[in-house]
Amino acid sequence: MFSKFTSPVRFPSAITLIALAALAGPWSLRAEDWPEWRGKGRGGVWRETGIVDTFPADGLKLKWRTPIGGGYAGPAVSNGLVFVTDFSETGPRRGIERALCLNEGTGKIVWTREWPVDYAGLDYAYGPRATPTVDGDRVYVLGMRGMLLCLNTRTGKVIWKKDYVKDYGIEVPVWGMVGAPLVDGNRLICLVGGEPDAKVVAFDKRTGKELWRAIRSDSEPGYNPPILIEAGGKRQVIIWHPKAVTSLDPGTGKVYWEHPFKIKSGLTIATPVFSRNRLLVSAFYNGSHLLKLHANRPAAELVWKGKSASEVSSDGLHSLIATPVMQGDYIYGIGSYGQFRCLDARTGERVWETQEVTREKARWAAGLIVRHEDRYFINNDRGELILAKLSPEGYQEISRTQLIKPTTRVGTRRELGLVNWSHPAYANRHLIIRNDEEIRRYSLAKE
């Protein structure tokens, strides 16, 4: 079922790496990898130093480009390697899904691992959605139909695997399996959607043995990856599924608390945002809920919720693909028709709105937001990269440049006809971005 292509590659010794770090100077000590969805900790924060203040007039320096197949899955970066997944069609809605490992410095393929897939019954069937999760010498990849693989990062060898359809009897939701697995200690916590009571399953990350399962699968699983937070003196796994926001004990799967929130069409997509004991979730049709987490025990209460359940007449923030950000007492995010909005986190009231980020008022228009120091990098779905500052006073654009052409077809009218919905990786003073044809690495280092 699985096949592999491996090309020889040499990895430097530990002594060599230490020597190179010493020669490179202080910047090398402040570089960091991007090992999972939205970076380390899944918070969408890039902490490196030595990054450009504005973009060059002739664009960012392209370091390499490598052909790949279709897919939405963003890349992960760890220990000099880049991991991504793609899809190539062999027949109507049939084809090959593949995990790829590339050399971070050159873009050359180190190894691939592939498996056949049937996308019958699924929509936007252009390839895998979930960003790989890297943990030491293992990388966890998830296919659109629920094929979960634990692979050796150096060789691509299969260490263990699970098939959510065969092993847990799931009905794959219409837009496929998206929830990138979460590593916590010796556990791999996954959004599965299985029966009985296996919407979430924790596996032994080394062997694949099931450790616990949680939450009834009396609704589809949705599309939201698990996140890990600490509040009320407890570490909590947050699962936002189409019936509720649920907090679990990561060690046992026990439910700490649950906040009901019924989501139309199962569209739990934008990742929950946690800041200063506030937890925000935002949906395309149903708008936003902001919860306050108790300081002394694992519990939550609703602070406010949006008043509108309309994608068109939206009062606050109705996110779809774009995960919002919270900065102090303010929320910044992109709504159902590409409106970039600022809300007061204390009340949910709108402070300002602009269409500048997405350029057009179109259904599902999006931009992927990453915080860096006191500014934000935003990848809009036109293939542009924007550097901006955000405040209650307004949106301040610093710089904008074209990175990659949009290649994905969508069912809504667009000025460019196509979009790019893949979250890039920000790692080692570079940005790595993909579309359905290639993956590219650009330098963001200050010269």
Protein backbone atom coordinates (compact mmCIF):
# COMPACT_ATOMS: atom_id res chain seq x y z
CA MET A 1 0.00 0.00 0.00
CA PHE A 2 2.78 2.40 0.85
CA SER A 3 5.74 3.24 -1.34
CA LYS A 4 8.81 5.37 -0.84
CA PHE A 5 11.46 7.19 -2.83
CA THR A 6 14.65 8.02 -0.98
CA SER A 7 17.58 10.10 -2.16
CA PRO A 8 20.88 10.04 -0.25
CA VAL A 9 21.48 12.98 2.04
CA ARG A 10 24.18 13.75 4.58
CA PHE A 11 23.34 15.35 7.88
CA PRO A 12 26.01 17.31 9.75
CA SER A 13 27.43 15.98 12.99
CA ALA A 14 26.65 17.61 16.31
CA ILE A 15 30.22 19.00 16.48
CA THR A 16 29.85 20.57 13.04
CA LEU A 17 26.53 22.18 13.99
CA ILE A 18 28.01 23.68 17.17
CA ALA A 19 30.97 25.08 15.23
CA LEU A 20 28.71 26.59 12.57
CA ALA A 21 26.52 28.18 15.24
CA ALA A 22 29.54 29.80 16.86
CA LEU A 23 30.75 31.20 13.54
CA ALA A 24 27.32 32.46 12.56
CA GLY A 25 27.11 34.85 15.50
CA PRO A 26 24.20 35.75 17.77
CA TRP A 27 21.41 35.64 15.15
CA SER A 28 21.67 31.84 14.86
CA LEU A 29 20.81 31.51 18.55
CA ARG A 30 17.48 33.29 17.98
CA ALA A 31 16.27 31.30 15.00
CA GLU A 32 13.43 28.84 15.47
CA ASP A 33 11.64 26.07 13.62
CA TRP A 34 7.94 25.84 12.72
CA PRO A 35 7.15 22.23 13.71
CA GLU A 36 3.34 22.22 13.57
CA TRP A 37 0.15 24.04 12.63
CA ARG A 38 0.57 27.81 13.27
CA GLY A 39 4.05 27.28 14.72
CA LYS A 40 5.27 25.98 18.06
CA GLY A 41 2.37 25.96 20.52
CA ARG A 42 -0.17 26.64 17.70
CA GLY A 43 -0.39 30.29 18.72
CA GLY A 44 0.47 31.93 15.40
CA VAL A 45 3.40 33.83 16.91
CA TRP A 46 6.82 34.16 15.24
CA ARG A 47 9.53 34.99 17.80
CA GLU A 48 12.69 35.28 15.70
CA THR A 49 14.86 38.39 15.50
CA GLY A 50 16.72 39.90 12.57
CA ILE A 51 13.61 40.16 10.37
CA VAL A 52 13.02 42.77 7.66
CA ASP A 53 11.31 46.05 8.50
CA THR A 54 9.84 46.43 4.99
CA PHE A 55 9.83 44.36 1.82
CA PRO A 56 12.26 45.17 -1.02
CA ALA A 57 10.72 47.03 -3.96
CA ASP A 58 11.61 44.16 -6.29
CA GLY A 59 10.21 41.51 -3.94
CA LEU A 60 11.63 39.05 -1.43
CA LYS A 61 14.65 36.95 -2.33
CA LEU A 62 13.55 33.52 -3.58
CA LYS A 63 15.91 30.84 -2.24
CA TRP A 64 14.38 27.79 -3.93
CA ARG A 65 11.26 26.38 -5.54
CA THR A 66 10.32 22.69 -5.86
CA PRO A 67 7.41 21.18 -7.83
CA ILE A 68 4.73 19.42 -5.76
CA GLY A 69 1.12 18.32 -6.24
CA GLY A 70 -2.18 19.68 -4.95
CA GLY A 71 -3.19 20.33 -1.38
CA TYR A 72 -4.03 22.89 1.28
CA ALA A 73 -1.68 21.48 3.94
CA GLY A 74 0.90 24.01 5.03
CA PRO A 75 4.54 23.02 5.60
CA ALA A 76 6.21 22.19 8.91
CA VAL A 77 9.93 22.84 9.51
CA SER A 78 12.21 21.05 11.96
CA ASN A 79 15.94 20.26 12.23
CA GLY A 80 16.82 21.36 8.70
CA LEU A 81 13.91 19.53 7.06
CA VAL A 82 10.60 20.66 5.55
CA PHE A 83 7.53 18.39 5.66
CA VAL A 84 4.42 18.78 3.54
CA THR A 85 1.71 16.62 1.94
CA ASP A 86 0.22 16.65 -1.55
CA PHE A 87 -2.08 14.83 -3.99
CA SER A 88 -1.83 13.75 -7.63
CA GLU A 89 -4.90 12.60 -9.54
CA THR A 90 -4.93 9.21 -11.29
CA GLY A 91 -8.64 9.15 -12.17
CA PRO A 92 -11.94 10.88 -11.34
CA ARG A 93 -11.62 11.73 -7.63
CA ARG A 94 -8.95 9.08 -7.21
CA GLY A 95 -5.25 9.46 -6.83
CA ILE A 96 -2.18 9.32 -4.64
CA GLU A 97 -1.63 11.24 -1.41
CA ARG A 98 1.99 11.75 -0.46
CA ALA A 99 4.13 12.94 2.41
CA LEU A 100 7.30 14.74 1.32
CA CYS A 101 10.46 15.64 3.18
CA LEU A 102 12.67 18.36 1.67
CA ASN A 103 16.05 19.77 2.61
CA GLU A 104 15.35 23.16 4.18
CA GLY A 105 18.43 24.79 2.68
CA THR A 106 18.12 23.54 -0.91
CA GLY A 107 14.52 22.39 -1.44
CA LYS A 108 15.72 19.02 -2.72
CA ILE A 109 13.47 16.06 -1.93
CA VAL A 110 14.97 13.77 0.71
CA TRP A 111 12.19 11.16 0.72
CA THR A 112 8.52 10.66 -0.08
CA ARG A 113 5.87 8.28 1.25
CA GLU A 114 2.65 7.74 -0.69
CA TRP A 115 -0.68 5.89 -0.47
CA PRO A 116 -3.76 5.58 -2.72
CA VAL A 117 -6.90 7.54 -1.90
CA ASP A 118 -10.50 7.85 -3.07
CA TYR A 119 -12.12 11.28 -2.65
CA ALA A 120 -15.64 10.18 -3.68
CA GLY A 121 -18.25 12.20 -1.80
CA LEU A 122 -15.80 14.89 -0.69
CA ASP A 123 -15.83 18.51 -1.80
CA TYR A 124 -12.82 20.65 -2.83
CA ALA A 125 -11.03 17.37 -3.48
CA TYR A 126 -7.66 18.91 -4.30
CA GLY A 127 -5.49 17.29 -1.66
CA PRO A 128 -4.64 16.94 2.06
CA ARG A 129 -5.49 19.74 4.49
CA ALA A 130 -3.60 19.09 7.74
CA THR A 131 -0.16 20.56 8.43
CA PRO A 132 2.27 17.80 9.52
CA THR A 133 3.24 17.67 13.20
CA VAL A 134 6.95 17.09 13.93
CA ASP A 135 8.17 15.71 17.25
CA GLY A 136 11.87 14.85 17.44
CA ASP A 137 12.61 12.05 15.00
CA ARG A 138 8.93 11.47 14.16
CA VAL A 139 6.53 13.33 11.91
CA TYR A 140 2.78 12.74 11.99
CA VAL A 141 0.84 13.29 8.76
CA LEU A 142 -2.91 13.11 8.15
CA GLY A 143 -4.58 12.50 4.80
CA MET A 144 -7.91 13.92 3.67
CA ARG A 145 -9.72 10.61 4.27
CA GLY A 146 -8.25 10.00 7.71
CA MET A 147 -5.04 8.08 7.01
CA LEU A 148 -2.75 8.91 9.95
CA LEU A 149 0.93 8.00 9.61
CA CYS A 150 3.81 8.21 12.06
CA LEU A 151 6.98 8.42 9.98
CA ASN A 152 10.68 8.58 10.73
CA THR A 153 11.81 12.10 9.86
CA ARG A 154 15.14 11.00 8.33
CA THR A 155 13.98 8.06 6.22
CA GLY A 156 10.20 8.27 5.81
CA LYS A 157 9.85 4.75 7.24
CA VAL A 158 6.35 4.00 8.62
CA ILE A 159 6.60 3.52 12.39
CA TRP A 160 2.85 3.04 12.84
CA LYS A 161 -0.40 4.04 11.15
CA LYS A 162 -4.13 4.36 11.72
CA ASP A 163 -6.95 4.47 9.20
CA TYR A 164 -9.80 6.43 10.79
CA VAL A 165 -12.35 4.94 8.37
CA LYS A 166 -11.35 1.30 8.86
CA ASP A 167 -10.22 1.47 12.49
CA TYR A 168 -12.89 3.81 13.89
CA GLY A 169 -15.76 3.60 11.40
CA ILE A 170 -15.87 7.33 10.76
CA GLU A 171 -17.93 9.10 8.15
CA VAL A 172 -15.49 11.54 6.61
CA PRO A 173 -17.00 15.06 6.65
CA VAL A 174 -17.60 16.72 3.31
CA TRP A 175 -14.40 18.80 3.41
CA GLY A 176 -12.21 15.98 4.67
CA MET A 177 -10.11 15.46 7.80
CA VAL A 178 -8.27 18.62 8.78
CA GLY A 179 -7.41 18.46 12.49
CA ALA A 180 -3.61 18.31 12.68
CA PRO A 181 -2.54 15.89 15.47
CA LEU A 182 -1.27 17.44 18.71
CA VAL A 183 1.74 16.07 20.63
CA ASP A 184 1.55 16.27 24.42
CA GLY A 185 4.18 14.34 26.35
CA ASN A 186 3.93 10.71 25.26
CA ARG A 187 0.49 11.31 23.73
CA LEU A 188 -0.69 12.15 20.22
CA ILE A 189 -4.13 13.74 20.56
CA CYS A 190 -6.25 13.51 17.41
CA LEU A 191 -9.64 14.67 16.15
CA VAL A 192 -11.00 11.36 14.83
CA GLY A 193 -14.82 11.39 14.85
CA GLY A 194 -15.07 7.67 15.64
CA GLU A 195 -17.52 5.45 17.45
CA PRO A 196 -18.26 4.79 20.19
CA ASP A 197 -17.37 7.98 22.06
CA ALA A 198 -14.24 8.59 20.01
CA LYS A 199 -14.58 12.06 18.56
CA VAL A 200 -11.14 12.62 20.11
CA VAL A 201 -8.56 9.86 20.59
CA ALA A 202 -5.17 9.95 22.30
CA PHE A 203 -2.57 7.50 21.01
CA ASP A 204 0.81 6.55 22.40
CA LYS A 205 2.93 8.69 20.10
CA ARG A 206 5.63 5.97 19.87
CA THR A 207 3.48 2.89 19.21
CA GLY A 208 0.03 4.08 18.12
CA LYS A 209 -1.67 2.28 21.01
CA GLU A 210 -4.93 3.95 22.04
CA LEU A 211 -4.61 5.59 25.47
CA TRP A 212 -8.02 7.20 25.85
CA ARG A 213 -11.04 8.37 23.87
CA ALA A 214 -13.51 11.18 24.55
CA ILE A 215 -16.69 12.93 23.37
CA ARG A 216 -19.64 11.26 21.67
CA SER A 217 -19.60 11.28 17.88
CA ASP A 218 -23.26 12.26 17.62
CA SER A 219 -22.25 14.98 15.18
CA GLU A 220 -19.53 15.30 12.58
CA PRO A 221 -16.08 16.07 14.01
CA GLY A 222 -15.67 19.45 12.34
CA TYR A 223 -12.33 20.74 11.08
CA ASN A 224 -10.58 22.15 14.12
CA PRO A 225 -7.21 20.91 15.38
CA PRO A 226 -6.82 20.37 19.14
CA ILE A 227 -4.93 23.04 21.06
CA LEU A 228 -3.34 22.91 24.51
CA ILE A 229 -3.71 25.73 27.04
CA GLU A 230 -3.11 26.28 30.75
CA ALA A 231 -5.84 27.91 32.83
CA GLY A 232 -7.41 27.42 36.23
CA GLY A 233 -4.29 25.65 37.43
CA LYS A 234 -4.75 22.88 34.87
CA ARG A 235 -3.42 22.01 31.43
CA GLN A 236 -6.42 21.69 29.13
CA VAL A 237 -6.96 20.35 25.62
CA ILE A 238 -9.52 22.51 23.82
CA ILE A 239 -11.70 20.80 21.24
CA TRP A 240 -14.07 23.03 19.28
CA HIS A 241 -16.52 20.76 17.47
CA PRO A 242 -19.89 21.53 15.82
CA LYS A 243 -21.87 21.08 19.06
CA ALA A 244 -19.67 22.69 21.69
CA VAL A 245 -16.35 23.98 22.92
CA THR A 246 -15.04 21.18 25.15
CA SER A 247 -12.13 21.17 27.58
CA LEU A 248 -10.41 17.84 28.28
CA ASP A 249 -7.80 16.61 30.73
CA PRO A 250 -4.90 15.73 28.35
CA GLY A 251 -3.84 12.85 30.58
CA THR A 252 -7.16 11.03 30.77
CA GLY A 253 -9.62 12.56 28.29
CA LYS A 254 -11.96 13.50 31.15
CA VAL A 255 -14.22 16.46 30.35
CA TYR A 256 -13.38 19.48 32.51
CA TRP A 257 -16.09 21.77 31.10
CA GLU A 258 -18.22 22.26 28.01
CA HIS A 259 -19.82 25.31 26.42
CA PRO A 260 -22.65 24.52 23.94
CA PHE A 261 -22.31 26.26 20.56
CA LYS A 262 -24.16 24.66 17.64
CA ILE A 263 -22.38 25.43 14.37
CA LYS A 264 -24.12 25.39 10.99
CA SER A 265 -22.64 22.98 8.39
CA GLY A 266 -20.02 21.83 10.89
CA LEU A 267 -17.80 24.81 10.03
CA THR A 268 -15.51 24.84 13.06
CA ILE A 269 -12.45 25.91 11.08
CA ALA A 270 -10.67 28.95 12.56
CA THR A 271 -8.50 27.81 15.48
CA PRO A 272 -9.64 28.95 18.96
CA VAL A 273 -7.60 31.88 20.31
CA PHE A 274 -6.46 31.94 23.94
CA SER A 275 -5.12 35.08 25.62
CA ARG A 276 -5.19 36.33 29.22
CA ASN A 277 -7.77 33.73 30.34
CA ARG A 278 -10.00 34.62 27.37
CA LEU A 279 -10.92 32.00 24.79
CA LEU A 280 -12.39 33.13 21.46
CA VAL A 281 -14.09 30.95 18.85
CA SER A 282 -15.49 32.36 15.61
CA ALA A 283 -17.57 30.70 12.87
CA PHE A 284 -18.62 31.71 9.36
CA TYR A 285 -22.40 31.59 9.88
CA ASN A 286 -22.77 31.74 13.66
CA GLY A 287 -20.32 34.48 14.60
CA SER A 288 -18.17 34.59 17.72
CA HIS A 289 -18.33 33.54 21.37
CA LEU A 290 -15.84 34.79 23.94
CA LEU A 291 -15.38 32.75 27.12
CA LYS A 292 -13.66 33.71 30.35
CA LEU A 293 -11.73 30.85 31.93
CA HIS A 294 -11.76 30.59 35.71
CA ALA A 295 -8.48 31.49 37.41
CA ASN A 296 -8.59 28.82 40.15
CA ARG A 297 -10.25 25.79 38.56
CA PRO A 298 -10.97 24.43 35.08
CA ALA A 299 -14.24 26.15 34.21
CA ALA A 300 -15.53 28.70 31.71
CA GLU A 301 -18.33 31.21 31.39
CA LEU A 302 -19.68 33.13 28.42
CA VAL A 303 -18.73 36.81 28.40
CA TRP A 304 -20.43 37.76 25.13
CA LYS A 305 -21.58 36.35 21.83
CA GLY A 306 -22.30 37.83 18.43
CA LYS A 307 -25.90 38.76 17.73
CA SER A 308 -26.02 37.74 14.07
CA ALA A 309 -26.31 34.25 12.55
CA SER A 310 -26.07 35.63 9.01
CA GLU A 311 -22.98 35.46 6.82
CA VAL A 312 -24.07 38.69 5.10
CA SER A 313 -25.47 40.86 7.90
CA SER A 314 -22.64 40.09 10.28
CA ASP A 315 -22.36 42.32 13.33
CA GLY A 316 -19.03 41.23 14.80
CA LEU A 317 -16.58 38.67 13.50
CA HIS A 318 -17.62 35.66 11.37
CA SER A 319 -14.34 33.86 10.64
CA LEU A 320 -13.90 30.94 8.28
CA ILE A 321 -10.33 30.11 7.25
CA ALA A 322 -8.54 32.97 8.98
CA THR A 323 -7.80 32.47 12.68
CA PRO A 324 -8.21 35.80 14.54
CA VAL A 325 -5.64 37.28 16.92
CA MET A 326 -6.04 38.94 20.32
CA GLN A 327 -3.77 41.80 21.39
CA GLY A 328 -4.56 43.18 24.83
CA ASP A 329 -8.25 44.10 24.92
CA TYR A 330 -8.74 43.93 21.15
CA ILE A 331 -9.47 41.24 18.58
CA TYR A 332 -8.39 41.43 14.94
CA GLY A 333 -9.70 39.06 12.30
CA ILE A 334 -11.22 38.52 8.87
CA GLY A 335 -14.96 38.04 8.49
CA SER A 336 -17.21 36.13 6.12
CA TYR A 337 -16.71 38.45 3.13
CA GLY A 338 -13.10 39.39 3.68
CA GLN A 339 -13.75 42.32 6.03
CA PHE A 340 -10.75 42.88 8.31
CA ARG A 341 -12.29 43.92 11.61
CA CYS A 342 -11.26 45.07 15.05
CA LEU A 343 -13.51 44.18 18.00
CA ASP A 344 -13.37 45.22 21.63
CA ALA A 345 -12.62 41.93 23.42
CA ARG A 346 -14.47 43.14 26.53
CA THR A 347 -17.80 43.65 24.76
CA GLY A 348 -17.63 42.18 21.25
CA GLU A 349 -18.45 45.58 19.75
CA ARG A 350 -16.88 46.47 16.41
CA VAL A 351 -14.25 49.22 16.51
CA TRP A 352 -13.29 49.49 12.84
CA GLU A 353 -13.35 47.64 9.51
CA THR A 354 -11.28 47.69 6.30
CA GLN A 355 -11.27 45.76 3.04
CA GLU A 356 -7.60 46.53 2.34
CA VAL A 357 -6.20 43.14 3.38
CA THR A 358 -8.27 40.98 1.02
CA ARG A 359 -8.81 43.69 -1.65
CA GLU A 360 -12.33 42.48 -2.54
CA LYS A 361 -15.60 41.84 -0.73
CA ALA A 362 -15.99 38.21 -1.71
CA ARG A 363 -17.45 35.20 0.11
CA TRP A 364 -14.73 33.28 2.02
CA ALA A 365 -12.02 35.84 1.22
CA ALA A 366 -9.24 35.19 3.72
CA GLY A 367 -5.82 36.08 5.08
CA LEU A 368 -3.64 34.05 7.45
CA ILE A 369 -2.32 36.16 10.33
CA VAL A 370 0.95 35.66 12.26
CA ARG A 371 2.19 38.04 14.96
CA HIS A 372 5.83 39.14 15.00
CA GLU A 373 6.90 41.57 17.73
CA ASP A 374 4.60 44.62 17.41
CA ARG A 375 3.46 43.92 13.84
CA TYR A 376 1.74 41.21 11.82
CA PHE A 377 2.51 39.17 8.72
CA ILE A 378 -0.66 38.41 6.75
CA ASN A 379 -0.86 36.05 3.77
CA ASN A 380 -4.02 36.90 1.85
CA ASP A 381 -5.60 34.41 -0.53
CA ARG A 382 -4.40 36.40 -3.57
CA GLY A 383 -0.87 35.09 -2.88
CA GLU A 384 0.31 38.37 -1.35
CA LEU A 385 2.29 38.88 1.85
CA ILE A 386 1.41 41.95 3.92
CA LEU A 387 3.31 43.50 6.81
CA ALA A 388 1.06 45.65 9.00
CA LYS A 389 0.51 47.14 12.43
CA LEU A 390 -2.87 46.79 14.12
CA SER A 391 -4.32 48.97 16.86
CA PRO A 392 -7.73 50.24 18.04
CA GLU A 393 -6.96 53.38 16.00
CA GLY A 394 -6.90 51.44 12.73
CA TYR A 395 -5.08 49.28 10.19
CA GLN A 396 -1.60 50.52 9.23
CA GLU A 397 -0.05 48.76 6.24
CA ILE A 398 3.76 48.87 6.16
CA SER A 399 4.56 46.78 3.10
CA ARG A 400 3.05 44.33 0.59
CA THR A 401 4.58 41.95 -1.95
CA GLN A 402 3.49 39.14 -4.26
CA LEU A 403 4.74 35.68 -3.23
CA ILE A 404 2.94 32.95 -5.13
CA LYS A 405 0.13 32.62 -7.63
CA PRO A 406 -3.28 31.36 -6.48
CA THR A 407 -4.08 27.97 -8.01
CA THR A 408 -7.10 26.57 -6.13
CA ARG A 409 -10.59 26.77 -7.63
CA VAL A 410 -13.43 27.93 -5.36
CA GLY A 411 -17.18 27.97 -5.81
CA THR A 412 -17.55 31.72 -5.45
CA ARG A 413 -16.81 34.52 -7.88
CA ARG A 414 -13.35 35.99 -7.46
CA GLU A 415 -11.48 38.72 -9.27
CA LEU A 416 -8.53 36.37 -9.85
CA GLY A 417 -10.66 33.24 -10.26
CA LEU A 418 -8.40 31.20 -7.95
CA VAL A 419 -7.20 31.38 -4.32
CA ASN A 420 -4.32 30.30 -2.10
CA TRP A 421 -5.53 28.96 1.26
CA SER A 422 -2.38 27.24 2.54
CA HIS A 423 -0.80 28.49 5.78
CA PRO A 424 2.94 29.22 5.30
CA ALA A 425 5.72 28.33 7.73
CA TYR A 426 7.91 31.05 9.24
CA ALA A 427 11.20 29.43 10.21
CA ASN A 428 14.87 30.38 10.49
CA ARG A 429 14.28 33.91 9.12
CA HIS A 430 12.53 32.53 6.05
CA LEU A 431 8.99 31.95 4.85
CA ILE A 432 7.98 28.70 3.14
CA ILE A 433 4.74 28.73 1.15
CA ARG A 434 3.03 26.33 -1.25
CA ASN A 435 0.26 26.19 -3.82
CA ASP A 436 -1.01 23.26 -5.92
CA GLU A 437 2.05 23.32 -8.19
CA GLU A 438 5.13 24.12 -6.12
CA ILE A 439 6.60 24.98 -2.74
CA ARG A 440 8.86 28.04 -2.31
CA ARG A 441 11.27 29.43 0.29
CA TYR A 442 11.83 33.18 0.63
CA SER A 443 14.26 35.06 2.85
CA LEU A 444 12.83 37.47 5.42
CA ALA A 445 16.22 38.16 7.00
CA LYS A 446 17.30 41.73 7.54
CA GLU A 447 20.37 42.34 5.38
